[in-house]
């Protein structure tokens, strides 16, 4: 499993966060949605995919896509870093 190649396969989307923050939270898309298509990953072997499907079965969509959200910070950049960290911890 090559960490650099896997990170290249991640998709990110900025979403407006909910909760406290006043006008700032209504204008800025600071919440991050991280998406990883496990089924179509070129960085993982078939054995690795099978192991991850078992390990992450309750976190995967029907299409074997992993979706993580992060809105801990008011900074989109910081939320992206946290989402990547969580993703790597899951692997």
Protein backbone atom coordinates (compact mmCIF):
# COMPACT_ATOMS: atom_id res chain seq x y z
CA UNK A 1 0.00 0.00 0.00
CA UNK A 2 1.57 3.24 -1.16
CA UNK A 3 0.45 6.16 1.01
CA UNK A 4 1.30 8.84 -1.57
CA UNK A 5 -0.67 7.13 -4.34
CA UNK A 6 -3.66 6.58 -2.07
CA UNK A 7 -3.68 10.26 -1.08
CA UNK A 8 -3.82 11.17 -4.79
CA UNK A 9 -7.04 9.13 -5.09
CA UNK A 10 -8.88 11.13 -2.43
CA UNK A 11 -11.58 13.60 -3.44
CA UNK A 12 -12.47 16.65 -1.36
CA UNK A 13 -15.52 18.87 -1.36
CA UNK A 14 -16.11 22.00 0.69
CA UNK A 15 -19.51 22.27 2.35
CA UNK A 16 -21.08 24.96 4.49
CA UNK A 17 -20.78 23.95 8.10
CA UNK A 18 -23.63 24.15 10.58
CA UNK A 19 -23.54 25.36 14.15
CA UNK A 20 -22.05 28.37 15.88
CA UNK A 21 -20.01 30.89 13.95
CA UNK A 22 -22.43 33.64 13.08
CA UNK A 23 -22.27 35.22 9.67
CA UNK A 24 -18.90 33.59 8.92
CA UNK A 25 -20.38 30.09 8.95
CA UNK A 26 -23.12 31.18 6.52
CA UNK A 27 -20.62 32.50 3.95
CA UNK A 28 -17.72 30.05 4.02
CA UNK A 29 -17.62 26.37 3.02
CA UNK A 30 -15.28 25.24 5.78
CA UNK A 31 -16.67 21.74 6.33
CA UNK A 32 -14.80 19.09 4.33
CA UNK A 33 -16.15 15.92 2.76
CA UNK A 34 -13.40 13.39 1.99
CA UNK A 35 -14.30 10.60 -0.44
CA UNK A 36 -12.28 7.48 -1.26
CA UNK A 37 -13.49 4.97 -3.86
CA UNK A 38 -12.20 1.73 -2.37
CA UNK A 39 -13.63 -0.46 -5.13
CA UNK A 40 -11.83 1.37 -7.96
CA UNK A 41 -8.59 2.20 -6.18
CA UNK A 42 -5.48 1.46 -8.23
CA UNK A 43 -3.20 1.80 -5.20
CA UNK A 44 -4.54 -1.21 -3.33
CA UNK A 45 -4.18 -4.89 -4.10
CA UNK A 46 -7.26 -7.13 -4.19
CA UNK A 47 -6.26 -8.60 -0.82
CA UNK A 48 -5.94 -5.13 0.72
CA UNK A 49 -9.34 -4.15 -0.68
CA UNK A 50 -10.94 -7.26 0.79
CA UNK A 51 -9.39 -6.63 4.20
CA UNK A 52 -10.48 -2.98 4.19
CA UNK A 53 -14.02 -3.87 3.08
CA UNK A 54 -14.28 -6.12 6.12
CA UNK A 55 -12.62 -3.67 8.51
CA UNK A 56 -14.62 -0.66 7.30
CA UNK A 57 -17.90 -2.41 6.46
CA UNK A 58 -19.98 -0.11 8.67
CA UNK A 59 -18.38 3.03 7.17
CA UNK A 60 -18.68 2.19 3.46
CA UNK A 61 -21.53 3.04 1.09
CA UNK A 62 -23.17 0.35 -1.04
CA UNK A 63 -20.67 1.25 -3.78
CA UNK A 64 -17.74 0.65 -1.36
CA UNK A 65 -16.94 4.34 -1.09
CA UNK A 66 -15.64 5.74 2.17
CA UNK A 67 -16.95 9.20 3.06
CA UNK A 68 -15.58 11.21 5.99
CA UNK A 69 -16.68 14.65 7.17
CA UNK A 70 -14.74 17.16 9.24
CA UNK A 71 -15.96 20.50 10.57
CA UNK A 72 -13.87 20.80 13.75
CA UNK A 73 -12.25 24.05 12.68
CA UNK A 74 -13.40 27.26 11.01
CA UNK A 75 -10.54 26.72 8.55
CA UNK A 76 -11.16 24.58 5.48
CA UNK A 77 -7.43 23.85 5.23
CA UNK A 78 -7.27 22.61 8.84
CA UNK A 79 -10.40 20.48 8.36
CA UNK A 80 -8.81 18.90 5.28
CA UNK A 81 -5.69 18.02 7.29
CA UNK A 82 -7.79 16.46 10.06
CA UNK A 83 -9.87 14.47 7.54
CA UNK A 84 -6.70 13.07 5.93
CA UNK A 85 -5.30 12.16 9.34
CA UNK A 86 -8.53 10.31 10.24
CA UNK A 87 -8.51 8.54 6.88
CA UNK A 88 -4.95 7.30 7.36
CA UNK A 89 -5.77 6.12 10.89
CA UNK A 90 -8.65 4.04 9.50
CA UNK A 91 -6.35 2.29 7.05
